[in-house]
């Protein structure tokens, strides 16, 4: 079961939500089926980050992702557990996606599980980032967020 702790609408039926799933705090970036602007059913478009992945994401946003968007350079950063954040050259979207490696290949390929945030969605996400950081049930030790035990 999951319990909702915080939700931020990003636009286009997409939400950043802090949830507890099977006792583990997670940050979901996901598209939802909505009725009257209220999310009623999660779609497969999106990704669920554990606290370590979310911490890695927040650490690299300003220094790497924003800089890459500004310079229109491509980057790819591993958040852990085969989840990557990528920015393509000359594309203003920020893609957070699960990758996998087919048995006959040497390179990982993107799956359908992920969310490509449009510029306005990314801006909204960043505006609410400090509030999202406060919501997981954990403790902050220096720069590291540790789950409660």
N, C-alpha and C. Protein backbone atom coordinates (compact mmCIF):
# COMPACT_ATOMS: atom_id res chain seq x y z
N UNK A 1 0.83 -1.19 0.00
CA UNK A 1 0.00 0.00 0.00
C UNK A 1 0.88 1.25 0.00
N UNK A 2 0.33 2.30 -0.54
CA UNK A 2 1.07 3.56 -0.51
C UNK A 2 0.24 4.61 0.22
N UNK A 3 0.94 5.51 0.87
CA UNK A 3 0.26 6.63 1.52
C UNK A 3 0.91 7.92 1.04
N UNK A 4 0.07 8.87 0.66
CA UNK A 4 0.52 10.14 0.11
C UNK A 4 0.92 11.09 1.23
N UNK A 5 2.08 11.71 1.07
CA UNK A 5 2.55 12.69 2.05
C UNK A 5 2.53 14.11 1.48
N UNK A 6 2.73 14.23 0.15
CA UNK A 6 2.81 15.55 -0.46
C UNK A 6 2.64 15.39 -1.97
N UNK A 7 1.99 16.36 -2.60
CA UNK A 7 1.78 16.29 -4.04
C UNK A 7 1.89 17.68 -4.65
N UNK A 8 2.61 17.76 -5.77
CA UNK A 8 2.76 19.02 -6.51
C UNK A 8 2.36 18.77 -7.95
N UNK A 9 1.34 19.48 -8.46
CA UNK A 9 1.02 19.35 -9.89
C UNK A 9 2.08 20.06 -10.73
N UNK A 10 2.60 19.34 -11.73
CA UNK A 10 3.64 19.92 -12.59
C UNK A 10 3.06 20.49 -13.88
N UNK A 11 1.88 20.11 -14.28
CA UNK A 11 1.16 20.47 -15.50
C UNK A 11 0.88 19.20 -16.28
N UNK A 12 -0.08 19.25 -17.17
CA UNK A 12 -0.38 18.15 -18.09
C UNK A 12 -0.62 16.82 -17.37
N UNK A 13 -1.35 16.86 -16.25
CA UNK A 13 -1.65 15.65 -15.46
C UNK A 13 -0.41 14.96 -14.93
N UNK A 14 0.64 15.69 -14.74
CA UNK A 14 1.88 15.15 -14.18
C UNK A 14 2.07 15.71 -12.78
N UNK A 15 2.55 14.85 -11.88
CA UNK A 15 2.69 15.24 -10.48
C UNK A 15 4.02 14.76 -9.92
N UNK A 16 4.56 15.54 -9.01
CA UNK A 16 5.67 15.10 -8.16
C UNK A 16 5.01 14.80 -6.82
N UNK A 17 5.12 13.55 -6.37
CA UNK A 17 4.43 13.14 -5.14
C UNK A 17 5.40 12.43 -4.21
N UNK A 18 5.30 12.76 -2.94
CA UNK A 18 6.07 12.06 -1.92
C UNK A 18 5.13 11.04 -1.31
N UNK A 19 5.51 9.77 -1.42
CA UNK A 19 4.65 8.68 -0.94
C UNK A 19 5.47 7.72 -0.09
N UNK A 20 4.76 6.93 0.66
CA UNK A 20 5.40 5.83 1.36
C UNK A 20 4.85 4.56 0.73
N UNK A 21 5.73 3.76 0.15
CA UNK A 21 5.34 2.54 -0.55
C UNK A 21 5.97 1.35 0.16
N UNK A 22 5.16 0.45 0.65
CA UNK A 22 5.64 -0.72 1.41
C UNK A 22 6.60 -0.31 2.53
N UNK A 23 6.26 0.77 3.21
CA UNK A 23 7.06 1.24 4.33
C UNK A 23 8.29 2.03 3.95
N UNK A 24 8.53 2.22 2.65
CA UNK A 24 9.72 2.95 2.18
C UNK A 24 9.30 4.28 1.58
N UNK A 25 9.91 5.40 2.03
CA UNK A 25 9.59 6.70 1.43
C UNK A 25 10.14 6.78 0.01
N UNK A 26 9.33 7.34 -0.90
CA UNK A 26 9.73 7.46 -2.30
C UNK A 26 9.23 8.79 -2.85
N UNK A 27 9.87 9.25 -3.91
CA UNK A 27 9.41 10.43 -4.64
C UNK A 27 9.01 9.95 -6.03
N UNK A 28 7.72 10.09 -6.34
CA UNK A 28 7.19 9.67 -7.63
C UNK A 28 7.08 10.88 -8.55
N UNK A 29 7.60 10.74 -9.75
CA UNK A 29 7.40 11.72 -10.82
C UNK A 29 6.60 10.96 -11.87
N UNK A 30 5.31 11.28 -11.99
CA UNK A 30 4.44 10.40 -12.75
C UNK A 30 3.30 11.17 -13.40
N UNK A 31 2.81 10.62 -14.52
CA UNK A 31 1.61 11.13 -15.17
C UNK A 31 0.42 10.35 -14.63
N UNK A 32 -0.68 11.05 -14.40
CA UNK A 32 -1.88 10.44 -13.81
C UNK A 32 -3.08 10.64 -14.71
N UNK A 33 -4.01 9.70 -14.66
CA UNK A 33 -5.34 9.92 -15.23
C UNK A 33 -6.09 10.77 -14.22
N UNK A 34 -6.66 11.89 -14.68
CA UNK A 34 -7.30 12.83 -13.76
C UNK A 34 -8.78 13.01 -14.08
N UNK A 35 -9.54 13.29 -13.04
CA UNK A 35 -10.94 13.69 -13.17
C UNK A 35 -11.06 15.00 -12.41
N UNK A 36 -11.51 16.06 -13.12
CA UNK A 36 -11.61 17.40 -12.53
C UNK A 36 -10.28 17.84 -11.91
N UNK A 37 -9.21 17.62 -12.61
CA UNK A 37 -7.85 18.00 -12.19
C UNK A 37 -7.34 17.25 -10.96
N UNK A 38 -8.05 16.23 -10.52
CA UNK A 38 -7.61 15.42 -9.38
C UNK A 38 -7.07 14.08 -9.89
N UNK A 39 -5.86 13.70 -9.47
CA UNK A 39 -5.31 12.42 -9.91
C UNK A 39 -6.11 11.25 -9.33
N UNK A 40 -6.51 10.32 -10.21
CA UNK A 40 -7.28 9.17 -9.73
C UNK A 40 -6.58 7.84 -10.00
N UNK A 41 -5.74 7.78 -11.05
CA UNK A 41 -5.07 6.53 -11.36
C UNK A 41 -3.71 6.81 -11.97
N UNK A 42 -2.68 6.20 -11.41
CA UNK A 42 -1.32 6.37 -11.92
C UNK A 42 -1.18 5.64 -13.25
N UNK A 43 -0.46 6.25 -14.18
CA UNK A 43 -0.14 5.58 -15.44
C UNK A 43 1.26 4.99 -15.33
N UNK A 44 1.68 4.30 -16.37
CA UNK A 44 3.03 3.74 -16.39
C UNK A 44 4.07 4.78 -16.78
N UNK A 45 3.61 5.96 -17.22
CA UNK A 45 4.54 7.03 -17.57
C UNK A 45 5.03 7.69 -16.30
N UNK A 46 6.23 7.37 -15.91
CA UNK A 46 6.79 7.98 -14.71
C UNK A 46 7.85 7.10 -14.10
N UNK A 47 8.39 7.59 -13.01
CA UNK A 47 9.45 6.88 -12.31
C UNK A 47 9.30 7.14 -10.82
N UNK A 48 9.68 6.15 -10.03
CA UNK A 48 9.63 6.25 -8.58
C UNK A 48 11.06 6.18 -8.05
N UNK A 49 11.46 7.21 -7.33
CA UNK A 49 12.84 7.31 -6.83
C UNK A 49 12.88 7.02 -5.33
N UNK A 50 13.85 6.21 -4.91
CA UNK A 50 14.06 6.05 -3.47
C UNK A 50 14.81 7.28 -2.97
N UNK A 51 15.04 7.37 -1.67
CA UNK A 51 15.65 8.57 -1.11
C UNK A 51 17.08 8.81 -1.61
N UNK A 52 17.83 7.75 -1.83
CA UNK A 52 19.20 7.92 -2.32
C UNK A 52 19.19 8.44 -3.75
N UNK A 53 18.31 7.90 -4.60
CA UNK A 53 18.20 8.40 -5.97
C UNK A 53 17.73 9.85 -5.98
N UNK A 54 16.76 10.17 -5.12
CA UNK A 54 16.25 11.54 -5.04
C UNK A 54 17.35 12.49 -4.57
N UNK A 55 18.14 12.07 -3.60
CA UNK A 55 19.25 12.88 -3.10
C UNK A 55 20.27 13.14 -4.22
N UNK A 56 20.59 12.11 -4.98
CA UNK A 56 21.51 12.26 -6.11
C UNK A 56 20.93 13.24 -7.12
N UNK A 57 19.64 13.12 -7.41
CA UNK A 57 18.97 14.02 -8.34
C UNK A 57 19.08 15.47 -7.87
N UNK A 58 18.76 15.73 -6.62
CA UNK A 58 18.80 17.10 -6.11
C UNK A 58 20.22 17.66 -6.11
N UNK A 59 21.20 16.80 -5.88
CA UNK A 59 22.60 17.25 -5.87
C UNK A 59 23.07 17.71 -7.25
N UNK A 60 22.58 17.08 -8.30
CA UNK A 60 23.10 17.40 -9.64
C UNK A 60 22.27 18.41 -10.41
N UNK A 61 21.06 18.73 -9.94
CA UNK A 61 20.20 19.62 -10.72
C UNK A 61 20.86 20.94 -11.05
N UNK A 62 21.30 21.66 -10.04
CA UNK A 62 21.83 23.00 -10.26
C UNK A 62 23.16 22.97 -11.01
N UNK A 63 24.08 22.15 -10.55
CA UNK A 63 25.43 22.17 -11.11
C UNK A 63 25.52 21.57 -12.51
N UNK A 64 24.77 20.51 -12.76
CA UNK A 64 24.94 19.80 -14.02
C UNK A 64 23.75 19.95 -14.97
N UNK A 65 22.56 19.70 -14.49
CA UNK A 65 21.39 19.74 -15.37
C UNK A 65 21.10 21.16 -15.84
N UNK A 66 21.01 22.10 -14.91
CA UNK A 66 20.74 23.49 -15.30
C UNK A 66 21.83 24.03 -16.22
N UNK A 67 23.07 23.70 -15.90
CA UNK A 67 24.20 24.16 -16.72
C UNK A 67 24.12 23.55 -18.13
N UNK A 68 23.77 22.29 -18.21
CA UNK A 68 23.63 21.61 -19.50
C UNK A 68 22.51 22.22 -20.33
N UNK A 69 21.40 22.54 -19.68
CA UNK A 69 20.28 23.18 -20.39
C UNK A 69 20.68 24.56 -20.90
N UNK A 70 21.42 25.29 -20.08
CA UNK A 70 21.85 26.63 -20.44
C UNK A 70 22.80 26.59 -21.64
N UNK A 71 23.75 25.64 -21.62
CA UNK A 71 24.75 25.54 -22.68
C UNK A 71 24.28 24.70 -23.86
N UNK A 72 23.11 24.09 -23.74
CA UNK A 72 22.55 23.20 -24.77
C UNK A 72 23.51 22.04 -25.06
N UNK A 73 23.99 21.43 -23.97
CA UNK A 73 24.88 20.28 -24.06
C UNK A 73 24.16 19.03 -23.58
N UNK A 74 24.58 17.89 -24.10
CA UNK A 74 23.99 16.62 -23.68
C UNK A 74 24.70 16.10 -22.43
N UNK A 75 23.91 15.58 -21.48
CA UNK A 75 24.49 14.90 -20.32
C UNK A 75 23.65 13.68 -20.01
N UNK A 76 24.25 12.76 -19.31
CA UNK A 76 23.55 11.59 -18.79
C UNK A 76 24.15 11.29 -17.43
N UNK A 77 23.29 11.13 -16.42
CA UNK A 77 23.77 10.91 -15.06
C UNK A 77 23.01 9.75 -14.45
N UNK A 78 23.76 8.82 -13.88
CA UNK A 78 23.16 7.63 -13.27
C UNK A 78 22.70 7.97 -11.86
N UNK A 79 21.41 7.77 -11.57
CA UNK A 79 20.86 8.04 -10.24
C UNK A 79 20.87 6.80 -9.36
N UNK A 80 21.15 5.65 -9.95
CA UNK A 80 21.14 4.39 -9.21
C UNK A 80 20.02 3.49 -9.69
N UNK A 81 20.21 2.18 -9.55
CA UNK A 81 19.21 1.17 -9.92
C UNK A 81 18.72 1.34 -11.36
N UNK A 82 19.64 1.62 -12.28
CA UNK A 82 19.36 1.76 -13.71
C UNK A 82 18.44 2.93 -14.05
N UNK A 83 18.34 3.92 -13.19
CA UNK A 83 17.58 5.13 -13.48
C UNK A 83 18.59 6.22 -13.84
N UNK A 84 18.35 6.88 -14.99
CA UNK A 84 19.24 7.92 -15.47
C UNK A 84 18.46 9.21 -15.68
N UNK A 85 19.16 10.33 -15.50
CA UNK A 85 18.61 11.62 -15.90
C UNK A 85 19.43 12.06 -17.10
N UNK A 86 18.75 12.44 -18.17
CA UNK A 86 19.45 12.84 -19.38
C UNK A 86 18.89 14.15 -19.91
N UNK A 87 19.77 14.89 -20.55
CA UNK A 87 19.40 16.08 -21.29
C UNK A 87 20.05 15.92 -22.65
N UNK A 88 19.26 16.07 -23.69
CA UNK A 88 19.79 15.94 -25.05
C UNK A 88 20.22 17.31 -25.56
N UNK A 89 21.22 17.30 -26.41
CA UNK A 89 21.70 18.54 -27.02
C UNK A 89 20.56 19.18 -27.80
N UNK A 90 20.38 20.47 -27.64
CA UNK A 90 19.36 21.24 -28.35
C UNK A 90 17.93 20.78 -28.05
N UNK A 91 17.70 20.15 -26.89
CA UNK A 91 16.36 19.76 -26.48
C UNK A 91 16.16 20.25 -25.05
N UNK A 92 15.16 21.09 -24.80
CA UNK A 92 15.02 21.68 -23.47
C UNK A 92 14.36 20.78 -22.43
N UNK A 93 14.12 19.52 -22.75
CA UNK A 93 13.45 18.61 -21.82
C UNK A 93 14.46 17.87 -20.93
N UNK A 94 14.01 17.54 -19.72
CA UNK A 94 14.81 16.77 -18.77
C UNK A 94 14.14 15.41 -18.62
N UNK A 95 14.85 14.36 -19.01
CA UNK A 95 14.29 13.01 -19.03
C UNK A 95 14.84 12.21 -17.85
N UNK A 96 13.94 11.68 -17.02
CA UNK A 96 14.32 10.80 -15.91
C UNK A 96 13.68 9.46 -16.22
N UNK A 97 14.52 8.45 -16.47
CA UNK A 97 14.00 7.21 -17.05
C UNK A 97 14.77 5.98 -16.58
N UNK A 98 14.05 4.88 -16.52
CA UNK A 98 14.64 3.57 -16.23
C UNK A 98 15.25 3.02 -17.52
N UNK A 99 16.45 2.49 -17.41
CA UNK A 99 17.14 1.87 -18.54
C UNK A 99 17.32 0.38 -18.26
N UNK A 100 17.52 -0.40 -19.32
CA UNK A 100 17.86 -1.81 -19.15
C UNK A 100 18.78 -2.22 -20.28
N UNK A 101 19.51 -3.30 -20.07
CA UNK A 101 20.43 -3.78 -21.09
C UNK A 101 19.91 -5.10 -21.64
N UNK A 102 19.56 -5.12 -22.94
CA UNK A 102 19.13 -6.38 -23.55
C UNK A 102 20.27 -7.40 -23.50
N UNK A 103 19.94 -8.67 -23.40
CA UNK A 103 20.97 -9.71 -23.27
C UNK A 103 22.01 -9.72 -24.40
N UNK A 104 21.59 -9.33 -25.60
CA UNK A 104 22.50 -9.39 -26.74
C UNK A 104 23.22 -8.06 -27.02
N UNK A 105 23.08 -7.08 -26.12
CA UNK A 105 23.68 -5.76 -26.33
C UNK A 105 24.68 -5.43 -25.23
N UNK A 106 25.54 -4.46 -25.53
CA UNK A 106 26.49 -4.00 -24.52
C UNK A 106 26.07 -2.65 -23.93
N UNK A 107 25.16 -1.96 -24.59
CA UNK A 107 24.69 -0.65 -24.14
C UNK A 107 23.30 -0.76 -23.54
N UNK A 108 23.05 0.01 -22.49
CA UNK A 108 21.71 0.09 -21.91
C UNK A 108 20.83 0.95 -22.80
N UNK A 109 19.55 0.63 -22.83
CA UNK A 109 18.59 1.37 -23.64
C UNK A 109 17.46 1.87 -22.75
N UNK A 110 16.84 3.00 -23.12
CA UNK A 110 15.75 3.53 -22.30
C UNK A 110 14.49 2.66 -22.42
N UNK A 111 13.75 2.59 -21.32
CA UNK A 111 12.47 1.88 -21.33
C UNK A 111 11.34 2.91 -21.43
N UNK A 112 10.11 2.42 -21.43
CA UNK A 112 8.97 3.32 -21.44
C UNK A 112 8.72 3.93 -20.06
N UNK A 113 9.32 3.34 -19.05
CA UNK A 113 9.12 3.81 -17.66
C UNK A 113 10.01 5.02 -17.40
N UNK A 114 9.40 6.16 -17.33
CA UNK A 114 10.13 7.39 -17.08
C UNK A 114 9.27 8.58 -17.40
N UNK A 115 9.82 9.74 -17.21
CA UNK A 115 9.09 10.98 -17.46
C UNK A 115 10.04 11.99 -18.09
N UNK A 116 9.62 12.52 -19.22
CA UNK A 116 10.38 13.57 -19.88
C UNK A 116 9.70 14.90 -19.51
N UNK A 117 10.34 15.63 -18.60
CA UNK A 117 9.74 16.89 -18.13
C UNK A 117 9.98 18.01 -19.13
N UNK A 118 8.89 18.62 -19.52
CA UNK A 118 8.96 19.79 -20.38
C UNK A 118 9.54 20.96 -19.56
N UNK A 119 10.03 22.01 -20.23
CA UNK A 119 10.65 23.11 -19.48
C UNK A 119 9.77 23.69 -18.37
N UNK A 120 8.49 23.89 -18.63
CA UNK A 120 7.62 24.47 -17.60
C UNK A 120 7.42 23.50 -16.43
N UNK A 121 7.35 22.20 -16.72
CA UNK A 121 7.21 21.19 -15.66
C UNK A 121 8.48 21.13 -14.82
N UNK A 122 9.62 21.18 -15.48
CA UNK A 122 10.90 21.16 -14.77
C UNK A 122 11.04 22.39 -13.87
N UNK A 123 10.63 23.55 -14.37
CA UNK A 123 10.69 24.77 -13.57
C UNK A 123 9.80 24.66 -12.34
N UNK A 124 8.58 24.15 -12.51
CA UNK A 124 7.67 23.96 -11.38
C UNK A 124 8.26 22.98 -10.38
N UNK A 125 8.84 21.88 -10.87
CA UNK A 125 9.46 20.90 -9.99
C UNK A 125 10.56 21.54 -9.16
N UNK A 126 11.42 22.33 -9.81
CA UNK A 126 12.52 22.98 -9.09
C UNK A 126 12.01 24.00 -8.08
N UNK A 127 10.91 24.70 -8.40
CA UNK A 127 10.36 25.68 -7.47
C UNK A 127 9.87 25.02 -6.18
N UNK A 128 9.41 23.78 -6.27
CA UNK A 128 8.87 23.07 -5.11
C UNK A 128 9.88 22.09 -4.50
N UNK A 129 11.09 22.09 -4.98
CA UNK A 129 12.08 21.11 -4.56
C UNK A 129 12.38 21.17 -3.06
N UNK A 130 12.51 22.35 -2.51
CA UNK A 130 12.81 22.47 -1.08
C UNK A 130 11.68 21.89 -0.24
N UNK A 131 10.44 22.14 -0.65
CA UNK A 131 9.30 21.59 0.08
C UNK A 131 9.23 20.07 -0.06
N UNK A 132 9.53 19.57 -1.25
CA UNK A 132 9.53 18.12 -1.47
C UNK A 132 10.60 17.46 -0.60
N UNK A 133 11.76 18.10 -0.49
CA UNK A 133 12.86 17.55 0.32
C UNK A 133 12.46 17.37 1.79
N UNK A 134 11.58 18.24 2.28
CA UNK A 134 11.18 18.19 3.69
C UNK A 134 10.17 17.08 3.98
N UNK A 135 9.52 16.55 2.98
CA UNK A 135 8.39 15.65 3.20
C UNK A 135 8.73 14.19 3.44
N UNK A 136 9.81 13.63 2.87
CA UNK A 136 10.05 12.22 3.16
C UNK A 136 10.29 12.00 4.65
N UNK A 137 9.76 10.89 5.17
CA UNK A 137 9.96 10.61 6.59
C UNK A 137 11.38 10.12 6.82
N UNK A 138 12.29 11.05 6.97
CA UNK A 138 13.69 10.70 7.18
C UNK A 138 14.35 11.78 7.99
N UNK A 139 15.61 11.65 8.19
CA UNK A 139 16.36 12.66 8.91
C UNK A 139 17.48 13.15 8.03
N UNK A 140 17.84 14.40 8.19
CA UNK A 140 18.93 14.97 7.41
C UNK A 140 20.20 14.95 8.25
N UNK A 141 21.22 14.33 7.72
CA UNK A 141 22.52 14.29 8.39
C UNK A 141 23.50 14.95 7.44
N UNK A 142 23.92 16.18 7.77
CA UNK A 142 24.79 16.91 6.86
C UNK A 142 24.08 17.09 5.54
N UNK A 143 24.59 16.47 4.50
CA UNK A 143 24.00 16.57 3.18
C UNK A 143 23.26 15.29 2.80
N UNK A 144 23.20 14.31 3.70
CA UNK A 144 22.62 13.02 3.35
C UNK A 144 21.29 12.81 4.04
N UNK A 145 20.30 12.37 3.30
CA UNK A 145 19.00 12.05 3.87
C UNK A 145 18.99 10.56 4.16
N UNK A 146 18.73 10.20 5.40
CA UNK A 146 18.69 8.80 5.80
C UNK A 146 17.27 8.44 6.22
N UNK A 147 16.77 7.28 5.81
CA UNK A 147 15.43 6.89 6.22
C UNK A 147 15.39 6.59 7.71
N UNK A 148 14.20 6.81 8.31
CA UNK A 148 14.02 6.46 9.71
C UNK A 148 14.03 4.95 9.85
N UNK A 149 14.50 4.45 10.97
CA UNK A 149 14.52 3.00 11.21
C UNK A 149 13.73 2.69 12.44
